[in-house]
Amino acid sequence: YNKFKLIDDNEIAYFWLKKEDFDKTGATASDTEGLIDHVRAIEPVVVACVFEELEPELTRISLRSKDKNVNVSDVAGLFGGGGHQAAAGARIVGKPLGIQRRVIAAIRDQLKSRTT
């Protein structure tokens, strides 16, 4: 799984914070606060997603949207999470690549269903 990627005509940006990186550097989740906002600021990104590996099969996702017609709370809700239209998150059990595929697919569905 990639550390940073832009996909879908650069409308989706995501990156991984891996447990081994936290372990190596001694960083904590609070040290990464605000990173998602920098990613969301990239043009023409519409949805930014951070995948944070908490354990080998437990990932926390954080989602941000800058389009009022793309509700990331709906995406998070699919995985037992929640939040607001523009900011949401969830904790998901499973293998990292499987989680990434499912979350990205849900974001794509939100982007396709938006009204313009």
N, C-alpha and C. Protein backbone atom coordinates (compact mmCIF):
# COMPACT_ATOMS: atom_id res chain seq x y z
N TYR A 1 0.85 -1.18 0.00
CA TYR A 1 0.00 0.00 0.00
C TYR A 1 0.89 1.23 0.00
N ASN A 2 0.51 2.17 -0.82
CA ASN A 2 1.33 3.36 -1.05
C ASN A 2 1.22 4.34 0.10
N LYS A 3 2.28 5.13 0.25
CA LYS A 3 2.24 6.16 1.30
C LYS A 3 1.42 7.37 0.87
N PHE A 4 1.52 7.80 -0.40
CA PHE A 4 0.74 8.95 -0.88
C PHE A 4 0.36 8.72 -2.33
N LYS A 5 -0.87 9.03 -2.67
CA LYS A 5 -1.32 8.81 -4.04
C LYS A 5 -2.44 9.79 -4.39
N LEU A 6 -2.41 10.26 -5.63
CA LEU A 6 -3.49 11.03 -6.23
C LEU A 6 -4.12 10.15 -7.31
N ILE A 7 -5.45 10.01 -7.30
CA ILE A 7 -6.13 9.16 -8.27
C ILE A 7 -7.40 9.83 -8.76
N ASP A 8 -7.99 9.24 -9.79
CA ASP A 8 -9.27 9.72 -10.33
C ASP A 8 -9.20 11.19 -10.71
N ASP A 9 -8.34 11.47 -11.68
CA ASP A 9 -8.14 12.86 -12.15
C ASP A 9 -7.77 13.79 -11.00
N ASN A 10 -7.03 13.27 -10.05
CA ASN A 10 -6.54 14.02 -8.88
C ASN A 10 -7.66 14.51 -7.96
N GLU A 11 -8.86 13.92 -8.08
CA GLU A 11 -9.95 14.31 -7.19
C GLU A 11 -9.88 13.60 -5.84
N ILE A 12 -9.17 12.47 -5.79
CA ILE A 12 -8.99 11.73 -4.54
C ILE A 12 -7.51 11.71 -4.20
N ALA A 13 -7.19 12.11 -2.99
CA ALA A 13 -5.81 12.02 -2.49
C ALA A 13 -5.85 11.19 -1.22
N TYR A 14 -4.90 10.26 -1.11
CA TYR A 14 -4.84 9.49 0.12
C TYR A 14 -3.40 9.16 0.47
N PHE A 15 -3.20 8.91 1.75
CA PHE A 15 -1.88 8.47 2.18
C PHE A 15 -2.01 7.58 3.40
N TRP A 16 -0.95 6.81 3.63
CA TRP A 16 -0.88 5.86 4.74
C TRP A 16 0.09 6.35 5.80
N LEU A 17 -0.30 6.20 7.03
CA LEU A 17 0.59 6.35 8.17
C LEU A 17 0.72 4.95 8.76
N LYS A 18 1.88 4.35 8.58
CA LYS A 18 2.05 2.96 8.98
C LYS A 18 2.56 2.86 10.42
N LYS A 19 2.13 1.81 11.10
CA LYS A 19 2.52 1.58 12.49
C LYS A 19 4.03 1.53 12.63
N GLU A 20 4.71 0.90 11.68
CA GLU A 20 6.17 0.79 11.77
C GLU A 20 6.84 2.17 11.71
N ASP A 21 6.24 3.10 10.98
CA ASP A 21 6.79 4.45 10.93
C ASP A 21 6.66 5.16 12.28
N PHE A 22 5.50 4.98 12.93
CA PHE A 22 5.32 5.54 14.27
C PHE A 22 6.32 4.92 15.23
N ASP A 23 6.47 3.59 15.14
CA ASP A 23 7.38 2.88 16.03
C ASP A 23 8.83 3.33 15.83
N LYS A 24 9.24 3.50 14.57
CA LYS A 24 10.62 3.89 14.27
C LYS A 24 10.94 5.30 14.74
N THR A 25 9.97 6.20 14.56
CA THR A 25 10.24 7.62 14.83
C THR A 25 9.84 8.06 16.23
N GLY A 26 9.01 7.27 16.90
CA GLY A 26 8.51 7.68 18.20
C GLY A 26 7.38 8.70 18.09
N ALA A 27 6.90 8.93 16.88
CA ALA A 27 5.80 9.87 16.66
C ALA A 27 4.51 9.28 17.21
N THR A 28 3.56 10.15 17.48
CA THR A 28 2.23 9.73 17.92
C THR A 28 1.19 10.28 16.96
N ALA A 29 -0.03 9.80 17.10
CA ALA A 29 -1.12 10.27 16.23
C ALA A 29 -1.29 11.79 16.34
N SER A 30 -1.07 12.34 17.51
CA SER A 30 -1.23 13.80 17.66
C SER A 30 -0.19 14.56 16.84
N ASP A 31 0.95 13.93 16.56
CA ASP A 31 1.97 14.57 15.72
C ASP A 31 1.52 14.70 14.27
N THR A 32 0.52 13.93 13.88
CA THR A 32 0.07 13.95 12.49
C THR A 32 -1.18 14.79 12.28
N GLU A 33 -1.71 15.37 13.36
CA GLU A 33 -2.91 16.21 13.24
C GLU A 33 -2.66 17.31 12.22
N GLY A 34 -3.62 17.53 11.36
CA GLY A 34 -3.51 18.60 10.38
C GLY A 34 -2.93 18.18 9.05
N LEU A 35 -2.28 17.01 8.98
CA LEU A 35 -1.73 16.57 7.69
C LEU A 35 -2.81 16.45 6.63
N ILE A 36 -3.97 15.93 7.02
CA ILE A 36 -5.04 15.73 6.05
C ILE A 36 -5.49 17.05 5.44
N ASP A 37 -5.43 18.12 6.21
CA ASP A 37 -5.85 19.43 5.69
C ASP A 37 -4.89 19.93 4.62
N HIS A 38 -3.61 19.61 4.75
CA HIS A 38 -2.64 19.98 3.71
C HIS A 38 -2.92 19.20 2.43
N VAL A 39 -3.27 17.93 2.58
CA VAL A 39 -3.58 17.10 1.41
C VAL A 39 -4.86 17.60 0.75
N ARG A 40 -5.86 17.94 1.54
CA ARG A 40 -7.12 18.43 1.00
C ARG A 40 -6.92 19.76 0.25
N ALA A 41 -5.93 20.53 0.64
CA ALA A 41 -5.68 21.83 0.01
C ALA A 41 -5.12 21.72 -1.41
N ILE A 42 -4.64 20.54 -1.78
CA ILE A 42 -4.11 20.35 -3.13
C ILE A 42 -5.24 20.50 -4.13
N GLU A 43 -5.01 21.24 -5.19
CA GLU A 43 -6.00 21.37 -6.27
C GLU A 43 -5.71 20.32 -7.32
N PRO A 44 -6.68 19.65 -7.87
CA PRO A 44 -8.13 19.77 -7.71
C PRO A 44 -8.73 18.72 -6.77
N VAL A 45 -8.01 18.33 -5.72
CA VAL A 45 -8.50 17.30 -4.79
C VAL A 45 -9.88 17.70 -4.24
N VAL A 46 -10.79 16.72 -4.25
CA VAL A 46 -12.13 16.90 -3.69
C VAL A 46 -12.23 16.17 -2.35
N VAL A 47 -11.68 14.95 -2.29
CA VAL A 47 -11.72 14.15 -1.07
C VAL A 47 -10.30 13.73 -0.69
N ALA A 48 -9.95 13.96 0.57
CA ALA A 48 -8.67 13.50 1.11
C ALA A 48 -8.96 12.41 2.13
N CYS A 49 -8.09 11.40 2.15
CA CYS A 49 -8.25 10.29 3.08
C CYS A 49 -6.90 9.92 3.67
N VAL A 50 -6.87 9.75 4.98
CA VAL A 50 -5.69 9.24 5.66
C VAL A 50 -6.04 7.86 6.21
N PHE A 51 -5.20 6.90 5.89
CA PHE A 51 -5.30 5.56 6.46
C PHE A 51 -4.20 5.47 7.51
N GLU A 52 -4.58 5.28 8.76
CA GLU A 52 -3.60 5.17 9.84
C GLU A 52 -3.64 3.75 10.40
N GLU A 53 -2.56 3.01 10.19
CA GLU A 53 -2.48 1.64 10.67
C GLU A 53 -2.24 1.66 12.19
N LEU A 54 -3.24 1.22 12.94
CA LEU A 54 -3.13 1.18 14.40
C LEU A 54 -2.52 -0.14 14.86
N GLU A 55 -2.92 -1.21 14.21
CA GLU A 55 -2.43 -2.57 14.44
C GLU A 55 -2.38 -3.23 13.07
N PRO A 56 -1.75 -4.41 12.95
CA PRO A 56 -1.66 -5.04 11.63
C PRO A 56 -3.01 -5.20 10.91
N GLU A 57 -4.10 -5.40 11.64
CA GLU A 57 -5.40 -5.52 10.99
C GLU A 57 -6.44 -4.58 11.59
N LEU A 58 -5.99 -3.39 11.98
CA LEU A 58 -6.90 -2.34 12.46
C LEU A 58 -6.41 -1.01 11.91
N THR A 59 -7.26 -0.37 11.12
CA THR A 59 -6.91 0.89 10.47
C THR A 59 -7.93 1.95 10.82
N ARG A 60 -7.44 3.13 11.16
CA ARG A 60 -8.31 4.28 11.36
C ARG A 60 -8.28 5.09 10.07
N ILE A 61 -9.46 5.47 9.57
CA ILE A 61 -9.51 6.34 8.40
C ILE A 61 -10.03 7.71 8.83
N SER A 62 -9.47 8.73 8.22
CA SER A 62 -9.97 10.10 8.37
C SER A 62 -10.27 10.60 6.98
N LEU A 63 -11.42 11.21 6.82
CA LEU A 63 -11.88 11.68 5.51
C LEU A 63 -12.22 13.16 5.57
N ARG A 64 -11.89 13.88 4.51
CA ARG A 64 -12.25 15.29 4.39
C ARG A 64 -12.76 15.53 2.97
N SER A 65 -13.81 16.33 2.86
CA SER A 65 -14.36 16.70 1.56
C SER A 65 -14.42 18.22 1.47
N LYS A 66 -14.13 18.74 0.30
CA LYS A 66 -14.30 20.18 0.12
C LYS A 66 -15.41 20.50 -0.88
N ASP A 67 -16.25 19.50 -1.18
CA ASP A 67 -17.41 19.68 -2.05
C ASP A 67 -18.66 19.38 -1.23
N LYS A 68 -19.56 20.33 -1.11
CA LYS A 68 -20.74 20.13 -0.27
C LYS A 68 -21.64 19.01 -0.78
N ASN A 69 -21.42 18.57 -2.02
CA ASN A 69 -22.20 17.48 -2.59
C ASN A 69 -21.55 16.11 -2.40
N VAL A 70 -20.42 16.07 -1.72
CA VAL A 70 -19.73 14.81 -1.43
C VAL A 70 -19.68 14.66 0.09
N ASN A 71 -20.50 13.76 0.60
CA ASN A 71 -20.67 13.59 2.04
C ASN A 71 -19.78 12.45 2.55
N VAL A 72 -18.66 12.79 3.17
CA VAL A 72 -17.75 11.75 3.66
C VAL A 72 -18.30 11.05 4.91
N SER A 73 -19.28 11.63 5.58
CA SER A 73 -19.92 10.94 6.69
C SER A 73 -20.64 9.69 6.19
N ASP A 74 -21.21 9.77 5.00
CA ASP A 74 -21.85 8.59 4.40
C ASP A 74 -20.83 7.49 4.14
N VAL A 75 -19.65 7.89 3.67
CA VAL A 75 -18.58 6.91 3.42
C VAL A 75 -18.17 6.27 4.75
N ALA A 76 -17.89 7.08 5.75
CA ALA A 76 -17.47 6.55 7.06
C ALA A 76 -18.55 5.65 7.65
N GLY A 77 -19.81 6.02 7.45
CA GLY A 77 -20.92 5.23 7.97
C GLY A 77 -20.96 3.81 7.43
N LEU A 78 -20.49 3.63 6.21
CA LEU A 78 -20.44 2.29 5.62
C LEU A 78 -19.50 1.36 6.40
N PHE A 79 -18.60 1.95 7.16
CA PHE A 79 -17.59 1.19 7.90
C PHE A 79 -17.76 1.31 9.42
N GLY A 80 -18.96 1.73 9.83
CA GLY A 80 -19.24 1.82 11.25
C GLY A 80 -18.80 3.11 11.91
N GLY A 81 -18.37 4.07 11.11
CA GLY A 81 -17.92 5.35 11.64
C GLY A 81 -18.97 6.43 11.45
N GLY A 82 -18.53 7.67 11.50
CA GLY A 82 -19.45 8.77 11.33
C GLY A 82 -18.71 10.09 11.31
N GLY A 83 -19.48 11.15 11.46
CA GLY A 83 -18.89 12.48 11.45
C GLY A 83 -19.84 13.47 10.83
N HIS A 84 -19.29 14.33 10.03
CA HIS A 84 -20.04 15.39 9.37
C HIS A 84 -19.84 15.29 7.87
N GLN A 85 -20.59 16.08 7.12
CA GLN A 85 -20.50 16.06 5.66
C GLN A 85 -19.07 16.27 5.19
N ALA A 86 -18.35 17.18 5.81
CA ALA A 86 -17.02 17.54 5.32
C ALA A 86 -15.88 16.87 6.08
N ALA A 87 -16.17 16.21 7.20
CA ALA A 87 -15.11 15.58 8.01
C ALA A 87 -15.68 14.37 8.74
N ALA A 88 -15.06 13.22 8.53
CA ALA A 88 -15.58 12.00 9.13
C ALA A 88 -14.46 10.99 9.30
N GLY A 89 -14.77 9.90 9.99
CA GLY A 89 -13.77 8.87 10.19
C GLY A 89 -14.37 7.57 10.68
N ALA A 90 -13.52 6.54 10.72
CA ALA A 90 -13.94 5.22 11.18
C ALA A 90 -12.72 4.40 11.54
N ARG A 91 -12.95 3.34 12.29
CA ARG A 91 -11.93 2.32 12.56
C ARG A 91 -12.42 1.06 11.88
N ILE A 92 -11.54 0.44 11.09
CA ILE A 92 -11.94 -0.70 10.27
C ILE A 92 -10.99 -1.87 10.53
N VAL A 93 -11.57 -3.02 10.79
CA VAL A 93 -10.80 -4.25 10.98
C VAL A 93 -10.63 -4.93 9.63
N GLY A 94 -9.42 -5.38 9.34
CA GLY A 94 -9.16 -6.09 8.09
C GLY A 94 -7.75 -5.84 7.60
N LYS A 95 -7.43 -6.47 6.48
CA LYS A 95 -6.11 -6.30 5.88
C LYS A 95 -6.03 -4.92 5.23
N PRO A 96 -4.90 -4.24 5.36
CA PRO A 96 -4.77 -2.87 4.85
C PRO A 96 -5.18 -2.70 3.38
N LEU A 97 -4.71 -3.57 2.49
CA LEU A 97 -5.06 -3.39 1.07
C LEU A 97 -6.54 -3.56 0.82
N GLY A 98 -7.17 -4.49 1.52
CA GLY A 98 -8.60 -4.68 1.38
C GLY A 98 -9.37 -3.46 1.87
N ILE A 99 -8.94 -2.92 2.99
CA ILE A 99 -9.56 -1.70 3.52
C ILE A 99 -9.41 -0.57 2.52
N GLN A 100 -8.19 -0.40 2.01
CA GLN A 100 -7.94 0.68 1.05
C GLN A 100 -8.87 0.54 -0.16
N ARG A 101 -8.98 -0.65 -0.72
CA ARG A 101 -9.83 -0.86 -1.90
C ARG A 101 -11.28 -0.51 -1.59
N ARG A 102 -11.79 -0.97 -0.44
CA ARG A 102 -13.19 -0.74 -0.10
C ARG A 102 -13.48 0.74 0.15
N VAL A 103 -12.59 1.41 0.85
CA VAL A 103 -12.80 2.83 1.15
C VAL A 103 -12.71 3.66 -0.13
N ILE A 104 -11.71 3.40 -0.96
CA ILE A 104 -11.58 4.15 -2.22
C ILE A 104 -12.80 3.92 -3.10
N ALA A 105 -13.31 2.68 -3.16
CA ALA A 105 -14.52 2.40 -3.94
C ALA A 105 -15.70 3.21 -3.42
N ALA A 106 -15.83 3.31 -2.10
CA ALA A 106 -16.94 4.08 -1.51
C ALA A 106 -16.79 5.57 -1.80
N ILE A 107 -15.56 6.08 -1.78
CA ILE A 107 -15.33 7.49 -2.13
C ILE A 107 -15.70 7.72 -3.59
N ARG A 108 -15.28 6.80 -4.46
CA ARG A 108 -15.62 6.93 -5.89
C ARG A 108 -17.13 6.96 -6.09
N ASP A 109 -17.86 6.11 -5.36
CA ASP A 109 -19.32 6.11 -5.46
C ASP A 109 -19.89 7.46 -5.05
N GLN A 110 -19.36 8.05 -3.99
CA GLN A 110 -19.82 9.38 -3.56
C GLN A 110 -19.55 10.42 -4.64
N LEU A 111 -18.36 10.37 -5.23
CA LEU A 111 -18.02 11.34 -6.28
C LEU A 111 -18.94 11.19 -7.48
N LYS A 112 -19.24 9.95 -7.86
CA LYS A 112 -20.11 9.71 -9.02
C LYS A 112 -21.54 10.17 -8.77
N SER A 113 -21.99 10.08 -7.52
CA SER A 113 -23.39 10.39 -7.22
C SER A 113 -23.64 11.86 -6.89
N ARG A 114 -22.58 12.65 -6.86
CA ARG A 114 -22.77 14.06 -6.48
C ARG A 114 -23.58 14.81 -7.53
N THR A 115 -24.29 15.80 -7.06
CA THR A 115 -25.05 16.66 -7.97
C THR A 115 -24.20 17.87 -8.28
N THR A 116 -24.31 18.33 -9.49
CA THR A 116 -23.49 19.49 -9.89
C THR A 116 -24.35 20.68 -10.22
